[in-house]
Amino acid sequence: MKKKLTILVLIIGIFSIALLYSYYNYQFWKHFKTDNFEALVEYEGNSIKGLRGRQILIHQNFEKYMKQIDKYASDSDIELIINQGYRSDKQTVSNAVVKPVKSSNHLAGFAIDFNIKNNGKKYLSTDLERDKLDKLPDNIQHFINEIRKNKDLRWGGDFRREDPVHIDYPINIKSKSNWREFSRACALDYSNRIPKWKVWK
């Protein structure tokens, strides 16, 4: 009986460690297959990682901009931790820096929310505010200034309602019809999502 109890405790301990590891490093239950998607793609970069190993989903037409952002991060020797890329309009947003709007570029897969990791330290929204920019390490300033210089991208720190952890391509301003089309396509993909860790036909 004692041996069985020891084995049970050991199994529960291993399971708990595996669960904690997955929660903080690889949230596999939030990963979806993308081969059946028409619009959404998974982005995997050199200097861009999903928060706690989450999958980063974006619209396929935003991928070229993500590669530019990734290069800016790499050149600046920082790591971007993505909290959110594509967001379904059915998803609730907790701890949002700015209240989500109905025409958000996240809904079309043309935006990311991020934190910055630099020399082992994480920089969050309160650290990245516009009036604190000149007090940040030079390489973080360099990264943000590269985004600001890019004519296609916007840094949320420059918005009237400041959102310093946001970068997007303003498809909702440049082409409302494209924004609607991309949002619908992304929503359709997301509604047909299949978890990656389940395998069936």
Protein backbone atom coordinates (compact mmCIF):
# COMPACT_ATOMS: atom_id res chain seq x y z
CA MET A 1 0.00 0.00 0.00
CA LYS A 2 2.82 2.39 0.94
CA LYS A 3 4.63 1.62 -2.33
CA LYS A 4 1.46 2.37 -4.36
CA LEU A 5 0.99 5.66 -2.52
CA THR A 6 4.61 6.64 -3.20
CA ILE A 7 4.16 5.87 -6.92
CA LEU A 8 0.91 7.89 -7.01
CA VAL A 9 2.57 10.88 -5.31
CA LEU A 10 5.49 10.61 -7.76
CA ILE A 11 3.12 10.53 -10.79
CA ILE A 12 1.16 13.53 -9.48
CA GLY A 13 4.43 15.40 -8.85
CA ILE A 14 5.75 14.72 -12.37
CA PHE A 15 2.38 15.69 -13.90
CA SER A 16 2.31 18.93 -11.87
CA ILE A 17 5.86 19.86 -12.94
CA ALA A 18 5.01 19.11 -16.59
CA LEU A 19 1.84 21.23 -16.34
CA LEU A 20 3.70 24.16 -14.76
CA TYR A 21 6.47 23.92 -17.36
CA SER A 22 3.90 23.92 -20.17
CA TYR A 23 2.06 26.90 -18.69
CA TYR A 24 5.20 29.02 -18.50
CA ASN A 25 7.10 27.75 -21.56
CA TYR A 26 4.89 26.11 -24.16
CA GLN A 27 1.12 26.54 -24.03
CA PHE A 28 0.45 23.77 -26.54
CA TRP A 29 -3.32 23.92 -25.98
CA LYS A 30 -3.29 27.38 -27.60
CA HIS A 31 -1.59 26.15 -30.80
CA PHE A 32 -3.61 25.45 -33.93
CA LYS A 33 -2.93 23.79 -37.25
CA THR A 34 -2.55 26.33 -40.04
CA ASP A 35 -2.54 24.15 -43.15
CA ASN A 36 -6.33 24.52 -43.51
CA PHE A 37 -6.23 28.32 -43.05
CA GLU A 38 -6.74 30.69 -45.99
CA ALA A 39 -5.61 33.95 -44.36
CA LEU A 40 -3.92 33.28 -41.00
CA VAL A 41 -0.34 32.05 -40.74
CA GLU A 42 1.93 31.21 -37.83
CA TYR A 43 4.90 33.53 -37.42
CA GLU A 44 8.17 32.17 -36.06
CA GLY A 45 11.02 34.64 -35.86
CA ASN A 46 14.58 34.92 -34.64
CA SER A 47 14.00 37.74 -32.16
CA ILE A 48 10.22 37.40 -31.79
CA LYS A 49 8.69 34.84 -29.42
CA GLY A 50 5.17 34.22 -28.16
CA LEU A 51 4.48 34.89 -24.48
CA ARG A 52 4.98 31.62 -22.60
CA GLY A 53 5.52 29.82 -25.89
CA ARG A 54 2.17 30.80 -27.35
CA GLN A 55 1.60 30.54 -31.08
CA ILE A 56 1.74 33.87 -32.97
CA LEU A 57 -1.01 34.10 -35.58
CA ILE A 58 -1.10 36.96 -38.10
CA HIS A 59 -2.61 37.64 -41.52
CA GLN A 60 -0.37 36.33 -44.29
CA ASN A 61 -0.10 39.85 -45.80
CA PHE A 62 1.28 41.17 -42.49
CA GLU A 63 4.12 38.63 -42.52
CA LYS A 64 6.48 40.86 -44.54
CA TYR A 65 6.06 43.60 -41.91
CA MET A 66 6.69 41.09 -39.12
CA LYS A 67 9.96 40.20 -40.81
CA GLN A 68 10.94 43.88 -40.79
CA ILE A 69 10.00 44.16 -37.10
CA ASP A 70 11.98 40.98 -36.39
CA LYS A 71 15.03 42.43 -38.17
CA TYR A 72 14.78 45.68 -36.20
CA ALA A 73 14.64 43.65 -32.96
CA SER A 74 17.59 41.51 -34.03
CA ASP A 75 19.66 44.55 -35.10
CA SER A 76 18.84 46.18 -31.75
CA ASP A 77 19.82 43.02 -29.83
CA ILE A 78 16.47 42.72 -28.06
CA GLU A 79 13.77 40.08 -27.93
CA LEU A 80 10.10 40.89 -28.52
CA ILE A 81 7.65 38.85 -26.45
CA ILE A 82 4.31 38.84 -28.26
CA ASN A 83 1.25 38.96 -26.02
CA GLN A 84 -1.15 39.05 -28.94
CA GLY A 85 -1.18 39.00 -32.73
CA TYR A 86 -4.47 38.11 -34.40
CA ARG A 87 -7.42 38.45 -32.03
CA SER A 88 -10.90 37.09 -32.63
CA ASP A 89 -13.75 39.49 -31.88
CA LYS A 90 -15.09 36.73 -29.61
CA GLN A 91 -11.99 36.82 -27.39
CA THR A 92 -12.08 38.84 -24.19
CA VAL A 93 -9.06 41.03 -23.56
CA SER A 94 -7.83 41.15 -19.98
CA ASN A 95 -5.40 43.78 -18.66
CA ALA A 96 -5.56 45.76 -21.90
CA VAL A 97 -3.40 48.91 -21.93
CA VAL A 98 -6.00 50.59 -24.18
CA LYS A 99 -9.62 49.46 -24.52
CA PRO A 100 -9.95 47.47 -27.78
CA VAL A 101 -11.83 49.21 -30.59
CA LYS A 102 -14.25 47.55 -33.03
CA SER A 103 -12.01 48.31 -36.00
CA SER A 104 -8.81 47.06 -34.34
CA ASN A 105 -6.06 45.90 -36.67
CA HIS A 106 -5.69 42.84 -34.42
CA LEU A 107 -9.00 41.59 -35.86
CA ALA A 108 -7.50 41.65 -39.36
CA GLY A 109 -4.20 40.08 -38.21
CA PHE A 110 -2.25 43.29 -38.89
CA ALA A 111 -1.10 44.14 -35.36
CA ILE A 112 0.94 42.84 -32.44
CA ASP A 113 1.10 43.66 -28.75
CA PHE A 114 4.51 43.07 -27.21
CA ASN A 115 6.88 43.42 -24.29
CA ILE A 116 10.63 43.77 -24.69
CA LYS A 117 13.25 41.53 -23.12
CA ASN A 118 16.69 43.10 -22.88
CA ASN A 119 19.64 41.77 -20.86
CA GLY A 120 17.34 39.56 -18.79
CA LYS A 121 14.93 42.40 -17.91
CA LYS A 122 11.37 42.72 -19.21
CA TYR A 123 10.07 46.10 -20.30
CA LEU A 124 6.29 46.42 -20.04
CA SER A 125 3.81 49.12 -21.09
CA THR A 126 4.61 51.41 -18.14
CA ASP A 127 8.34 51.24 -18.96
CA LEU A 128 7.83 51.96 -22.66
CA GLU A 129 5.65 55.07 -22.40
CA ARG A 130 6.49 57.90 -24.81
CA ASP A 131 7.72 60.33 -22.13
CA LYS A 132 10.13 57.66 -20.78
CA LEU A 133 11.62 56.80 -24.17
CA ASP A 134 14.82 58.83 -23.72
CA LYS A 135 15.49 57.07 -20.38
CA LEU A 136 15.37 53.58 -21.91
CA PRO A 137 18.53 51.68 -22.91
CA ASP A 138 19.93 52.85 -26.26
CA ASN A 139 19.13 49.61 -28.06
CA ILE A 140 15.43 49.78 -27.07
CA GLN A 141 15.31 53.41 -28.21
CA HIS A 142 16.92 52.31 -31.47
CA PHE A 143 14.27 49.61 -32.00
CA ILE A 144 11.34 51.96 -31.39
CA ASN A 145 12.87 54.67 -33.56
CA GLU A 146 13.30 52.16 -36.41
CA ILE A 147 9.57 51.38 -36.18
CA ARG A 148 8.74 55.10 -36.14
CA LYS A 149 10.91 55.72 -39.22
CA ASN A 150 9.20 52.94 -41.18
CA LYS A 151 6.50 54.57 -43.34
CA ASP A 152 4.32 51.45 -43.27
CA LEU A 153 4.33 50.78 -39.52
CA ARG A 154 2.96 52.60 -36.49
CA TRP A 155 4.17 52.47 -32.90
CA GLY A 156 1.26 52.75 -30.46
CA GLY A 157 3.27 55.09 -28.24
CA ASP A 158 2.57 57.79 -30.84
CA PHE A 159 -1.21 57.31 -30.69
CA ARG A 160 -3.41 59.98 -29.11
CA ARG A 161 -4.50 57.29 -26.63
CA GLU A 162 -1.01 55.98 -26.02
CA ASP A 163 -0.48 52.23 -26.43
CA PRO A 164 3.32 51.75 -26.21
CA VAL A 165 3.22 47.94 -26.54
CA HIS A 166 1.42 48.02 -29.89
CA ILE A 167 2.77 47.95 -33.47
CA ASP A 168 0.57 47.73 -36.55
CA TYR A 169 0.16 48.34 -40.23
CA PRO A 170 -2.90 50.66 -40.35
CA ILE A 171 -5.01 48.63 -42.79
CA ASN A 172 -8.14 49.98 -41.04
CA ILE A 173 -7.18 53.51 -42.17
CA LYS A 174 -5.52 52.76 -45.51
CA SER A 175 -8.32 50.53 -46.81
CA LYS A 176 -11.49 49.94 -44.80
CA SER A 177 -12.72 47.45 -47.41
CA ASN A 178 -9.51 45.40 -47.12
CA TRP A 179 -9.76 45.56 -43.33
CA ARG A 180 -13.30 44.14 -43.51
CA GLU A 181 -12.28 41.44 -46.00
CA PHE A 182 -9.20 40.39 -43.99
CA SER A 183 -11.13 40.43 -40.71
CA ARG A 184 -13.81 38.15 -42.17
CA ALA A 185 -11.19 35.77 -43.62
CA CYS A 186 -9.28 35.60 -40.33
CA ALA A 187 -12.48 35.06 -38.33
CA LEU A 188 -13.49 32.22 -40.67
CA ASP A 189 -10.08 30.56 -40.28
CA TYR A 190 -10.19 30.94 -36.52
CA SER A 191 -13.71 29.50 -36.30
CA ASN A 192 -12.45 26.37 -38.14
CA ARG A 193 -9.29 25.99 -36.06
CA ILE A 194 -8.03 22.55 -35.08
CA PRO A 195 -5.71 22.13 -32.07
CA LYS A 196 -2.21 21.12 -33.12
CA TRP A 197 -1.80 18.54 -30.42
CA LYS A 198 -4.83 16.53 -31.56
CA VAL A 199 -4.41 14.41 -34.67
CA TRP A 200 -7.42 13.28 -36.68
CA LYS A 201 -8.73 13.49 -40.24
